[in-house]
N, C-alpha and C. Protein backbone atom coordinates (compact mmCIF):
# COMPACT_ATOMS: atom_id res chain seq x y z
N MET A 1 -16.39 30.97 -81.43
CA MET A 1 -17.34 31.71 -80.62
C MET A 1 -18.33 30.73 -80.02
N LEU A 2 -18.54 30.81 -78.67
CA LEU A 2 -19.45 29.90 -77.98
C LEU A 2 -20.86 30.44 -78.04
N THR A 3 -21.78 29.52 -78.24
CA THR A 3 -23.19 29.89 -78.20
C THR A 3 -23.76 29.48 -76.86
N LEU A 4 -24.98 29.90 -76.63
CA LEU A 4 -25.65 29.53 -75.39
C LEU A 4 -25.76 28.03 -75.25
N TRP A 5 -25.97 27.33 -76.36
CA TRP A 5 -26.11 25.87 -76.34
C TRP A 5 -24.78 25.18 -75.99
N ASP A 6 -23.66 25.82 -76.30
CA ASP A 6 -22.35 25.23 -75.94
C ASP A 6 -22.12 25.29 -74.43
N VAL A 7 -22.68 26.31 -73.81
CA VAL A 7 -22.46 26.48 -72.36
C VAL A 7 -23.38 25.59 -71.56
N ILE A 8 -24.63 25.44 -72.01
CA ILE A 8 -25.60 24.63 -71.28
C ILE A 8 -25.30 23.16 -71.51
N GLU A 9 -25.19 22.41 -70.41
CA GLU A 9 -24.89 20.98 -70.52
C GLU A 9 -26.20 20.22 -70.65
N THR A 10 -26.29 19.42 -71.69
CA THR A 10 -27.51 18.66 -71.92
C THR A 10 -27.48 17.39 -71.10
N PRO A 11 -28.64 16.79 -70.76
CA PRO A 11 -28.66 15.55 -69.99
C PRO A 11 -27.90 14.43 -70.69
N VAL A 12 -27.91 14.40 -72.03
CA VAL A 12 -27.21 13.36 -72.77
C VAL A 12 -25.71 13.49 -72.56
N ALA A 13 -25.21 14.72 -72.63
CA ALA A 13 -23.77 14.94 -72.44
C ALA A 13 -23.35 14.58 -71.03
N ALA A 14 -24.19 14.90 -70.06
CA ALA A 14 -23.85 14.58 -68.66
C ALA A 14 -23.81 13.08 -68.45
N ALA A 15 -24.73 12.36 -69.08
CA ALA A 15 -24.75 10.90 -68.93
C ALA A 15 -23.55 10.27 -69.60
N ALA A 16 -23.08 10.88 -70.69
CA ALA A 16 -21.95 10.31 -71.43
C ALA A 16 -20.63 10.49 -70.69
N ARG A 17 -20.56 11.53 -69.82
CA ARG A 17 -19.31 11.78 -69.10
C ARG A 17 -19.08 10.69 -68.06
N PRO A 18 -17.87 10.14 -67.96
CA PRO A 18 -17.61 9.08 -66.97
C PRO A 18 -17.78 9.60 -65.55
N ALA A 19 -18.35 8.76 -64.70
CA ALA A 19 -18.58 9.14 -63.30
C ALA A 19 -17.25 9.26 -62.57
N LYS A 20 -17.21 10.18 -61.59
CA LYS A 20 -15.98 10.35 -60.80
C LYS A 20 -15.79 9.16 -59.89
N ARG A 21 -14.57 8.69 -59.85
CA ARG A 21 -14.26 7.58 -58.95
C ARG A 21 -14.11 8.08 -57.53
N PRO A 22 -14.61 7.31 -56.56
CA PRO A 22 -14.39 7.74 -55.16
C PRO A 22 -12.91 7.65 -54.83
N LYS A 23 -12.45 8.58 -54.01
CA LYS A 23 -11.03 8.57 -53.64
C LYS A 23 -10.73 7.34 -52.80
N ALA A 24 -9.66 6.67 -53.19
CA ALA A 24 -9.25 5.47 -52.45
C ALA A 24 -8.58 5.88 -51.15
N LYS A 25 -8.85 5.12 -50.09
CA LYS A 25 -8.21 5.40 -48.80
C LYS A 25 -6.74 5.03 -48.90
N SER A 26 -5.92 5.84 -48.30
CA SER A 26 -4.49 5.51 -48.29
C SER A 26 -4.28 4.27 -47.43
N ALA A 27 -3.19 3.58 -47.73
CA ALA A 27 -2.89 2.33 -47.02
C ALA A 27 -2.74 2.58 -45.52
N SER A 28 -2.12 3.73 -45.18
CA SER A 28 -1.91 4.00 -43.75
C SER A 28 -3.23 4.27 -43.04
N ALA A 29 -4.16 4.98 -43.72
CA ALA A 29 -5.45 5.27 -43.09
C ALA A 29 -6.31 4.03 -43.01
N GLU A 30 -6.19 3.15 -44.06
CA GLU A 30 -7.02 1.95 -44.11
C GLU A 30 -6.66 0.97 -43.00
N HIS A 31 -5.38 0.89 -42.68
CA HIS A 31 -4.93 -0.10 -41.69
C HIS A 31 -4.61 0.53 -40.34
N ARG A 32 -5.03 1.78 -40.14
CA ARG A 32 -4.75 2.45 -38.88
C ARG A 32 -5.65 1.86 -37.80
N PRO A 33 -5.08 1.26 -36.76
CA PRO A 33 -5.91 0.64 -35.72
C PRO A 33 -6.53 1.69 -34.81
N GLU A 34 -7.62 1.31 -34.21
CA GLU A 34 -8.24 2.18 -33.21
C GLU A 34 -7.35 2.23 -31.98
N PRO A 35 -7.27 3.39 -31.31
CA PRO A 35 -6.45 3.44 -30.10
C PRO A 35 -6.96 2.45 -29.07
N ALA A 36 -6.06 1.68 -28.53
CA ALA A 36 -6.44 0.65 -27.57
C ALA A 36 -5.78 0.92 -26.24
N GLU A 37 -6.37 0.37 -25.19
CA GLU A 37 -5.77 0.50 -23.87
C GLU A 37 -4.51 -0.34 -23.82
N PRO A 38 -3.54 0.08 -23.01
CA PRO A 38 -2.31 -0.71 -22.91
C PRO A 38 -2.59 -2.09 -22.33
N ALA A 39 -1.70 -3.01 -22.65
CA ALA A 39 -1.85 -4.38 -22.14
C ALA A 39 -1.80 -4.37 -20.63
N ALA A 40 -2.55 -5.27 -20.02
CA ALA A 40 -2.66 -5.30 -18.57
C ALA A 40 -1.31 -5.60 -17.91
N GLU A 41 -0.63 -6.61 -18.36
CA GLU A 41 0.64 -6.98 -17.76
C GLU A 41 1.58 -7.49 -18.83
N PRO A 42 2.38 -6.59 -19.45
CA PRO A 42 3.34 -7.07 -20.43
C PRO A 42 4.26 -8.11 -19.82
N ALA A 43 4.61 -9.12 -20.59
CA ALA A 43 5.45 -10.20 -20.06
C ALA A 43 6.78 -9.64 -19.59
N CYS A 44 7.26 -10.17 -18.51
CA CYS A 44 8.51 -9.67 -17.93
C CYS A 44 9.70 -10.50 -18.38
N HIS A 45 9.60 -11.83 -18.32
CA HIS A 45 10.66 -12.74 -18.76
C HIS A 45 12.00 -12.42 -18.10
N GLY A 46 12.06 -12.46 -16.82
CA GLY A 46 13.29 -12.21 -16.10
C GLY A 46 13.35 -13.01 -14.82
N PRO A 47 14.45 -12.87 -14.08
CA PRO A 47 14.62 -13.65 -12.85
C PRO A 47 13.68 -13.22 -11.73
N PHE A 48 13.03 -12.08 -11.88
CA PHE A 48 12.17 -11.57 -10.82
C PHE A 48 10.69 -11.61 -11.19
N ASP A 49 10.32 -12.48 -12.13
CA ASP A 49 8.91 -12.59 -12.57
C ASP A 49 7.95 -12.80 -11.41
N ALA A 50 8.31 -13.71 -10.50
CA ALA A 50 7.41 -14.05 -9.39
C ALA A 50 7.17 -12.82 -8.51
N ILE A 51 8.22 -12.04 -8.26
CA ILE A 51 8.08 -10.84 -7.44
C ILE A 51 7.17 -9.83 -8.13
N VAL A 52 7.38 -9.67 -9.44
CA VAL A 52 6.56 -8.72 -10.22
C VAL A 52 5.09 -9.10 -10.13
N ARG A 53 4.78 -10.38 -10.37
CA ARG A 53 3.38 -10.83 -10.34
C ARG A 53 2.78 -10.64 -8.94
N THR A 54 3.57 -10.96 -7.91
CA THR A 54 3.08 -10.83 -6.54
C THR A 54 2.74 -9.39 -6.21
N MET A 55 3.64 -8.46 -6.54
CA MET A 55 3.44 -7.06 -6.18
C MET A 55 2.31 -6.42 -6.99
N LEU A 56 2.20 -6.79 -8.26
CA LEU A 56 1.10 -6.26 -9.07
C LEU A 56 -0.24 -6.72 -8.52
N GLY A 57 -0.30 -8.00 -8.17
CA GLY A 57 -1.56 -8.54 -7.64
C GLY A 57 -1.89 -8.00 -6.27
N ARG A 58 -0.88 -7.84 -5.43
CA ARG A 58 -1.11 -7.39 -4.05
C ARG A 58 -1.69 -5.99 -4.00
N TYR A 59 -1.24 -5.11 -4.89
CA TYR A 59 -1.68 -3.71 -4.84
C TYR A 59 -2.60 -3.32 -6.00
N GLY A 60 -3.02 -4.29 -6.79
CA GLY A 60 -3.97 -4.00 -7.87
C GLY A 60 -3.43 -3.04 -8.91
N VAL A 61 -2.18 -3.23 -9.27
CA VAL A 61 -1.50 -2.34 -10.22
C VAL A 61 -1.30 -3.06 -11.55
N ARG A 62 -1.32 -2.31 -12.64
CA ARG A 62 -1.07 -2.87 -13.97
C ARG A 62 0.14 -2.16 -14.59
N VAL A 63 0.83 -2.87 -15.47
CA VAL A 63 1.99 -2.30 -16.15
C VAL A 63 1.54 -1.69 -17.47
N ARG A 64 1.80 -0.41 -17.63
CA ARG A 64 1.48 0.24 -18.91
C ARG A 64 2.51 -0.14 -19.96
N LYS A 65 3.79 -0.06 -19.59
CA LYS A 65 4.85 -0.49 -20.50
C LYS A 65 6.16 -0.62 -19.74
N TRP A 66 7.06 -1.43 -20.30
CA TRP A 66 8.42 -1.52 -19.78
C TRP A 66 9.25 -0.48 -20.51
N ARG A 67 9.88 0.41 -19.77
CA ARG A 67 10.69 1.47 -20.37
C ARG A 67 12.09 0.98 -20.69
N ARG A 68 12.69 1.59 -21.69
CA ARG A 68 14.09 1.28 -22.02
C ARG A 68 15.04 2.03 -21.11
N SER A 69 14.60 3.18 -20.61
CA SER A 69 15.45 3.96 -19.71
C SER A 69 15.24 3.50 -18.28
N SER A 70 16.13 3.93 -17.41
CA SER A 70 16.02 3.53 -15.99
C SER A 70 15.22 4.59 -15.23
N THR A 71 14.04 4.89 -15.74
CA THR A 71 13.13 5.83 -15.10
C THR A 71 11.79 5.15 -14.89
N GLY A 72 10.98 5.68 -14.00
CA GLY A 72 9.68 5.07 -13.73
C GLY A 72 8.60 6.11 -13.57
N LEU A 73 7.37 5.63 -13.54
CA LEU A 73 6.20 6.50 -13.39
C LEU A 73 5.07 5.71 -12.76
N ALA A 74 4.43 6.29 -11.77
CA ALA A 74 3.21 5.71 -11.18
C ALA A 74 2.07 6.68 -11.47
N SER A 75 0.95 6.16 -11.96
CA SER A 75 -0.16 7.04 -12.32
C SER A 75 -1.50 6.39 -12.00
N LEU A 76 -2.49 7.25 -11.83
CA LEU A 76 -3.87 6.82 -11.59
C LEU A 76 -4.74 7.31 -12.74
N VAL A 77 -5.68 6.46 -13.17
CA VAL A 77 -6.65 6.85 -14.19
C VAL A 77 -8.04 6.58 -13.64
N GLN A 78 -8.88 7.61 -13.61
CA GLN A 78 -10.25 7.43 -13.13
C GLN A 78 -11.18 7.31 -14.34
N LYS A 79 -11.91 6.20 -14.39
CA LYS A 79 -12.85 5.96 -15.48
C LYS A 79 -14.14 6.75 -15.26
N ARG A 80 -14.96 6.81 -16.30
CA ARG A 80 -16.22 7.54 -16.21
C ARG A 80 -17.16 6.92 -15.18
N ASN A 81 -17.05 5.61 -14.99
CA ASN A 81 -17.92 4.95 -14.01
C ASN A 81 -17.39 5.07 -12.58
N GLY A 82 -16.29 5.81 -12.41
CA GLY A 82 -15.74 6.04 -11.08
C GLY A 82 -14.64 5.07 -10.69
N ALA A 83 -14.45 4.00 -11.47
CA ALA A 83 -13.39 3.03 -11.16
C ALA A 83 -12.02 3.68 -11.35
N ILE A 84 -11.08 3.29 -10.50
CA ILE A 84 -9.72 3.83 -10.58
C ILE A 84 -8.77 2.73 -11.01
N GLU A 85 -7.97 3.01 -12.01
CA GLU A 85 -6.94 2.07 -12.48
C GLU A 85 -5.58 2.58 -12.03
N ARG A 86 -4.75 1.66 -11.54
CA ARG A 86 -3.41 2.00 -11.08
C ARG A 86 -2.40 1.46 -12.08
N TRP A 87 -1.55 2.34 -12.58
CA TRP A 87 -0.58 1.97 -13.62
C TRP A 87 0.84 2.29 -13.18
N VAL A 88 1.78 1.51 -13.68
CA VAL A 88 3.20 1.85 -13.51
C VAL A 88 3.92 1.68 -14.84
N GLU A 89 4.99 2.45 -14.99
CA GLU A 89 5.96 2.26 -16.06
C GLU A 89 7.32 2.18 -15.38
N SER A 90 8.15 1.27 -15.84
CA SER A 90 9.48 1.13 -15.26
C SER A 90 10.33 0.31 -16.21
N PRO A 91 11.64 0.26 -15.97
CA PRO A 91 12.44 -0.68 -16.76
C PRO A 91 12.05 -2.12 -16.43
N ARG A 92 12.26 -3.00 -17.38
CA ARG A 92 11.95 -4.42 -17.16
C ARG A 92 12.80 -4.93 -16.00
N PRO A 93 12.20 -5.49 -14.95
CA PRO A 93 12.97 -5.89 -13.75
C PRO A 93 13.82 -7.15 -13.98
N THR A 94 14.95 -6.96 -14.62
CA THR A 94 15.86 -8.09 -14.87
C THR A 94 17.14 -7.99 -14.04
N THR A 95 17.32 -6.88 -13.33
CA THR A 95 18.47 -6.69 -12.45
C THR A 95 17.95 -6.12 -11.12
N PRO A 96 18.76 -6.19 -10.05
CA PRO A 96 18.32 -5.59 -8.79
C PRO A 96 18.00 -4.10 -8.93
N LEU A 97 18.79 -3.37 -9.73
CA LEU A 97 18.52 -1.94 -9.91
C LEU A 97 17.17 -1.71 -10.58
N ALA A 98 16.91 -2.43 -11.68
CA ALA A 98 15.63 -2.27 -12.38
C ALA A 98 14.47 -2.71 -11.49
N LEU A 99 14.68 -3.76 -10.70
CA LEU A 99 13.64 -4.21 -9.78
C LEU A 99 13.35 -3.15 -8.73
N SER A 100 14.40 -2.48 -8.23
CA SER A 100 14.19 -1.45 -7.21
C SER A 100 13.37 -0.28 -7.76
N ILE A 101 13.58 0.06 -9.02
CA ILE A 101 12.80 1.15 -9.63
C ILE A 101 11.34 0.72 -9.79
N PHE A 102 11.13 -0.52 -10.22
CA PHE A 102 9.78 -1.05 -10.34
C PHE A 102 9.07 -1.03 -8.98
N LEU A 103 9.76 -1.52 -7.95
CA LEU A 103 9.16 -1.57 -6.61
C LEU A 103 8.93 -0.17 -6.05
N HIS A 104 9.80 0.76 -6.39
CA HIS A 104 9.62 2.15 -5.97
C HIS A 104 8.30 2.71 -6.52
N GLU A 105 8.01 2.40 -7.80
CA GLU A 105 6.75 2.88 -8.39
C GLU A 105 5.55 2.18 -7.76
N ILE A 106 5.69 0.89 -7.48
CA ILE A 106 4.62 0.18 -6.75
C ILE A 106 4.41 0.84 -5.39
N GLY A 107 5.51 1.26 -4.77
CA GLY A 107 5.44 1.91 -3.47
C GLY A 107 4.58 3.16 -3.47
N HIS A 108 4.62 3.92 -4.55
CA HIS A 108 3.78 5.12 -4.62
C HIS A 108 2.30 4.74 -4.51
N HIS A 109 1.92 3.62 -5.16
CA HIS A 109 0.53 3.17 -5.08
C HIS A 109 0.22 2.60 -3.69
N ALA A 110 1.17 1.86 -3.12
CA ALA A 110 0.94 1.26 -1.81
C ALA A 110 0.75 2.34 -0.74
N LEU A 111 1.52 3.42 -0.84
CA LEU A 111 1.44 4.51 0.13
C LEU A 111 0.26 5.44 -0.17
N GLY A 112 -0.13 5.50 -1.45
CA GLY A 112 -1.17 6.44 -1.88
C GLY A 112 -0.53 7.64 -2.54
N ILE A 113 -0.71 7.77 -3.85
CA ILE A 113 -0.11 8.88 -4.58
C ILE A 113 -0.66 10.19 -4.03
N GLY A 114 0.24 11.05 -3.59
CA GLY A 114 -0.17 12.34 -3.04
C GLY A 114 -0.60 12.31 -1.58
N ALA A 115 -0.52 11.14 -0.93
CA ALA A 115 -0.96 11.03 0.47
C ALA A 115 0.06 11.57 1.46
N ILE A 116 1.33 11.65 1.05
CA ILE A 116 2.39 12.13 1.93
C ILE A 116 2.94 13.43 1.36
N ARG A 117 3.00 14.45 2.19
CA ARG A 117 3.53 15.75 1.79
C ARG A 117 4.72 16.10 2.66
N PRO A 118 5.72 16.79 2.13
CA PRO A 118 5.88 17.21 0.76
C PRO A 118 6.20 16.05 -0.18
N ARG A 119 6.21 16.32 -1.46
CA ARG A 119 6.42 15.28 -2.47
C ARG A 119 7.76 14.57 -2.28
N CYS A 120 8.79 15.29 -1.90
CA CYS A 120 10.10 14.65 -1.73
C CYS A 120 10.06 13.63 -0.59
N LEU A 121 9.18 13.84 0.40
CA LEU A 121 9.05 12.86 1.48
C LEU A 121 8.34 11.60 0.97
N GLU A 122 7.39 11.77 0.07
CA GLU A 122 6.75 10.60 -0.55
C GLU A 122 7.79 9.78 -1.33
N GLU A 123 8.70 10.48 -2.02
CA GLU A 123 9.77 9.78 -2.75
C GLU A 123 10.62 8.96 -1.79
N TYR A 124 10.97 9.55 -0.66
CA TYR A 124 11.78 8.86 0.34
C TYR A 124 11.08 7.58 0.81
N HIS A 125 9.79 7.68 1.15
CA HIS A 125 9.07 6.51 1.66
C HIS A 125 8.82 5.47 0.57
N ALA A 126 8.69 5.90 -0.67
CA ALA A 126 8.56 4.93 -1.78
C ALA A 126 9.85 4.13 -1.93
N TRP A 127 10.99 4.78 -1.73
CA TRP A 127 12.26 4.04 -1.76
C TRP A 127 12.38 3.09 -0.58
N GLN A 128 11.97 3.52 0.58
CA GLN A 128 12.01 2.63 1.75
C GLN A 128 11.10 1.43 1.53
N PHE A 129 9.97 1.64 0.91
CA PHE A 129 9.06 0.54 0.56
C PHE A 129 9.78 -0.44 -0.38
N ALA A 130 10.48 0.09 -1.39
CA ALA A 130 11.19 -0.77 -2.35
C ALA A 130 12.25 -1.61 -1.63
N PHE A 131 13.00 -1.00 -0.73
CA PHE A 131 14.04 -1.75 -0.01
C PHE A 131 13.42 -2.84 0.87
N ALA A 132 12.32 -2.54 1.53
CA ALA A 132 11.65 -3.53 2.37
C ALA A 132 11.14 -4.69 1.52
N ALA A 133 10.60 -4.39 0.33
CA ALA A 133 10.11 -5.45 -0.56
C ALA A 133 11.26 -6.31 -1.07
N MET A 134 12.40 -5.69 -1.36
CA MET A 134 13.56 -6.46 -1.81
C MET A 134 14.04 -7.39 -0.71
N ARG A 135 14.08 -6.89 0.53
CA ARG A 135 14.49 -7.76 1.65
C ARG A 135 13.49 -8.88 1.86
N GLU A 136 12.20 -8.57 1.70
CA GLU A 136 11.16 -9.59 1.86
C GLU A 136 11.36 -10.75 0.87
N HIS A 137 11.84 -10.42 -0.33
CA HIS A 137 12.04 -11.44 -1.37
C HIS A 137 13.50 -11.85 -1.52
N SER A 138 14.31 -11.52 -0.51
CA SER A 138 15.72 -11.94 -0.45
C SER A 138 16.53 -11.47 -1.66
N VAL A 139 16.28 -10.24 -2.09
CA VAL A 139 17.08 -9.63 -3.17
C VAL A 139 18.00 -8.61 -2.52
N PRO A 140 19.31 -8.72 -2.73
CA PRO A 140 20.22 -7.78 -2.07
C PRO A 140 20.07 -6.35 -2.59
N VAL A 141 20.12 -5.41 -1.66
CA VAL A 141 20.14 -3.98 -2.02
C VAL A 141 21.61 -3.63 -2.23
N ASN A 142 22.06 -3.71 -3.47
CA ASN A 142 23.49 -3.57 -3.75
C ASN A 142 23.90 -2.10 -3.91
N GLU A 143 25.18 -1.90 -4.22
CA GLU A 143 25.73 -0.54 -4.31
C GLU A 143 25.08 0.26 -5.42
N LYS A 144 24.76 -0.38 -6.56
CA LYS A 144 24.12 0.34 -7.66
C LYS A 144 22.75 0.87 -7.24
N VAL A 145 22.01 0.04 -6.50
CA VAL A 145 20.69 0.45 -6.03
C VAL A 145 20.81 1.63 -5.06
N LEU A 146 21.76 1.53 -4.12
CA LEU A 146 21.94 2.61 -3.15
C LEU A 146 22.40 3.91 -3.81
N ALA A 147 23.26 3.77 -4.84
CA ALA A 147 23.73 4.97 -5.56
C ALA A 147 22.57 5.64 -6.28
N ARG A 148 21.70 4.82 -6.88
CA ARG A 148 20.53 5.38 -7.57
C ARG A 148 19.59 6.06 -6.57
N TYR A 149 19.40 5.43 -5.43
CA TYR A 149 18.56 6.00 -4.37
C TYR A 149 19.10 7.36 -3.93
N GLU A 150 20.40 7.41 -3.70
CA GLU A 150 21.03 8.66 -3.26
C GLU A 150 20.84 9.75 -4.31
N ARG A 151 21.08 9.41 -5.58
CA ARG A 151 20.95 10.39 -6.66
C ARG A 151 19.50 10.88 -6.79
N ALA A 152 18.56 9.93 -6.71
CA ALA A 152 17.15 10.28 -6.86
C ALA A 152 16.69 11.18 -5.71
N MET A 153 17.14 10.89 -4.50
CA MET A 153 16.71 11.69 -3.36
C MET A 153 17.34 13.08 -3.38
N ARG A 154 18.59 13.17 -3.80
CA ARG A 154 19.21 14.50 -3.91
C ARG A 154 18.48 15.34 -4.96
N TYR A 155 18.06 14.69 -6.04
CA TYR A 155 17.30 15.41 -7.06
C TYR A 155 15.95 15.87 -6.51
N ALA A 156 15.24 14.98 -5.78
CA ALA A 156 13.92 15.31 -5.24
C ALA A 156 14.00 16.45 -4.23
N VAL A 157 15.01 16.39 -3.36
CA VAL A 157 15.16 17.45 -2.35
C VAL A 157 15.60 18.75 -3.02
N GLY A 158 16.49 18.66 -4.01
CA GLY A 158 16.91 19.85 -4.75
C GLY A 158 15.75 20.51 -5.47
N LYS A 159 14.88 19.68 -6.04
CA LYS A 159 13.69 20.21 -6.73
C LYS A 159 12.78 20.93 -5.75
N ALA A 160 12.61 20.35 -4.56
CA ALA A 160 11.78 20.99 -3.53
C ALA A 160 12.39 22.32 -3.11
N ALA A 161 13.73 22.36 -3.00
CA ALA A 161 14.40 23.61 -2.61
C ALA A 161 14.22 24.67 -3.69
N ARG A 162 14.29 24.26 -4.96
CA ARG A 162 14.09 25.22 -6.06
C ARG A 162 12.67 25.77 -6.06
N ARG A 163 11.74 24.98 -5.53
CA ARG A 163 10.35 25.44 -5.44
C ARG A 163 10.06 26.12 -4.11
N ASN A 164 11.16 26.48 -3.43
CA ASN A 164 11.08 27.29 -2.20
C ASN A 164 10.37 26.59 -1.05
N ILE A 165 10.67 25.30 -0.86
CA ILE A 165 10.14 24.63 0.33
C ILE A 165 10.71 25.33 1.56
N ARG A 166 9.88 25.55 2.55
CA ARG A 166 10.31 26.33 3.72
C ARG A 166 11.12 25.52 4.71
N SER A 167 10.82 24.24 4.82
CA SER A 167 11.55 23.39 5.75
C SER A 167 11.50 21.95 5.28
N LEU A 168 12.47 21.17 5.72
CA LEU A 168 12.58 19.78 5.31
C LEU A 168 12.27 18.84 6.46
N PRO A 169 11.57 17.73 6.20
CA PRO A 169 11.44 16.69 7.21
C PRO A 169 12.82 16.15 7.60
N GLN A 170 12.94 15.69 8.81
CA GLN A 170 14.24 15.27 9.33
C GLN A 170 14.87 14.16 8.49
N GLU A 171 14.04 13.26 7.92
CA GLU A 171 14.58 12.15 7.13
C GLU A 171 15.35 12.60 5.91
N LEU A 172 15.09 13.83 5.46
CA LEU A 172 15.65 14.28 4.18
C LEU A 172 16.85 15.21 4.32
N LEU A 173 17.23 15.53 5.56
CA LEU A 173 18.31 16.50 5.75
C LEU A 173 19.63 16.04 5.13
N GLU A 174 19.88 14.73 5.15
CA GLU A 174 21.16 14.24 4.61
C GLU A 174 21.27 14.45 3.10
N PHE A 175 20.13 14.70 2.42
CA PHE A 175 20.15 14.87 0.97
C PHE A 175 20.17 16.34 0.55
N ALA A 176 20.12 17.25 1.51
CA ALA A 176 20.10 18.68 1.19
C ALA A 176 21.52 19.17 0.96
N ARG A 177 21.71 20.00 -0.05
CA ARG A 177 23.03 20.56 -0.33
C ARG A 177 23.37 21.67 0.65
N GLU A 178 22.36 22.37 1.12
CA GLU A 178 22.57 23.46 2.07
C GLU A 178 21.73 23.20 3.32
N PRO A 179 22.17 23.65 4.48
CA PRO A 179 21.38 23.45 5.70
C PRO A 179 20.00 24.09 5.57
N MET A 180 18.98 23.35 6.02
CA MET A 180 17.60 23.86 5.97
C MET A 180 16.93 23.59 7.30
N PRO A 181 15.88 24.36 7.62
CA PRO A 181 15.14 24.11 8.87
C PRO A 181 14.51 22.72 8.85
N ILE A 182 14.33 22.15 10.04
CA ILE A 182 13.77 20.80 10.18
C ILE A 182 12.28 20.89 10.50
N VAL A 183 11.52 19.96 9.95
CA VAL A 183 10.12 19.80 10.35
C VAL A 183 9.99 18.40 10.93
N LEU A 184 9.60 18.30 12.20
CA LEU A 184 9.39 17.00 12.81
C LEU A 184 8.06 16.43 12.31
N ALA A 185 7.97 15.11 12.24
CA ALA A 185 6.80 14.45 11.65
C ALA A 185 5.50 14.88 12.35
N LYS A 186 5.51 14.99 13.70
CA LYS A 186 4.27 15.30 14.42
C LYS A 186 3.80 16.73 14.17
N SER A 187 4.74 17.64 13.92
CA SER A 187 4.35 19.04 13.77
C SER A 187 4.19 19.45 12.30
N ASN A 188 4.28 18.48 11.37
CA ASN A 188 4.16 18.83 9.95
C ASN A 188 2.69 18.88 9.56
N PRO A 189 2.12 20.08 9.37
CA PRO A 189 0.69 20.18 9.07
C PRO A 189 0.33 19.68 7.68
N ARG A 190 1.34 19.53 6.80
CA ARG A 190 1.04 19.12 5.42
C ARG A 190 1.06 17.61 5.25
N ARG A 191 1.48 16.90 6.28
CA ARG A 191 1.55 15.45 6.17
C ARG A 191 0.16 14.85 6.34
N VAL A 192 -0.19 13.91 5.49
CA VAL A 192 -1.53 13.33 5.49
C VAL A 192 -1.42 11.84 5.79
N GLY A 193 -2.32 11.34 6.63
CA GLY A 193 -2.37 9.89 6.87
C GLY A 193 -1.41 9.46 7.95
N ASN A 194 -1.36 8.14 8.16
CA ASN A 194 -0.53 7.56 9.20
C ASN A 194 0.86 7.28 8.69
N GLU A 195 1.75 6.97 9.62
CA GLU A 195 3.08 6.55 9.24
C GLU A 195 3.01 5.29 8.38
N PRO A 196 3.77 5.23 7.27
CA PRO A 196 3.73 4.01 6.45
C PRO A 196 4.30 2.81 7.20
N ASN A 197 3.77 1.65 6.92
CA ASN A 197 4.22 0.42 7.54
C ASN A 197 4.89 -0.44 6.48
N TYR A 198 6.17 -0.74 6.64
CA TYR A 198 6.91 -1.49 5.62
C TYR A 198 7.08 -2.95 6.00
N SER A 199 6.48 -3.38 7.10
CA SER A 199 6.70 -4.76 7.53
C SER A 199 5.83 -5.73 6.74
């Protein structure tokens, strides 16, 4: 049978009890690094290093990462102070095909992301930019590059058709699966800016 004195903890008993140890941090939490910004320019180590450095410097673009797949991404990040960072992701440019994808993403920045409407027309001009840059640096636009261009443009035009685009610019008609109305460049109210210059 417990008495009142058994329930009440005396200061002596409390002092005699060993203090609780603080919980140790797990190894994963202890060594977890703070999120960092991606490296400015991951090393390329390929036959087209000079082209990569030239194009990144010319358009003020940084490489977020080299992708393992043959896909690319061009993106803009606006900082709190108003500064804009231009980023690309692409396969490491070690072949003409990988280089063309890298240059295509650079092309989006050179033309201005979102400056040309519709989006499929921006894709077309980004590819034309890539081909012009390859010719500028004496890199052949081979069959693999042209096949990828054809596939990418058919996908872009097909996507626009699925989103119920009303008419296609004349440059894109060859990539349409079904006949569509034409929009001439001068009469396209959604087109923004001047004609791109690839010279």
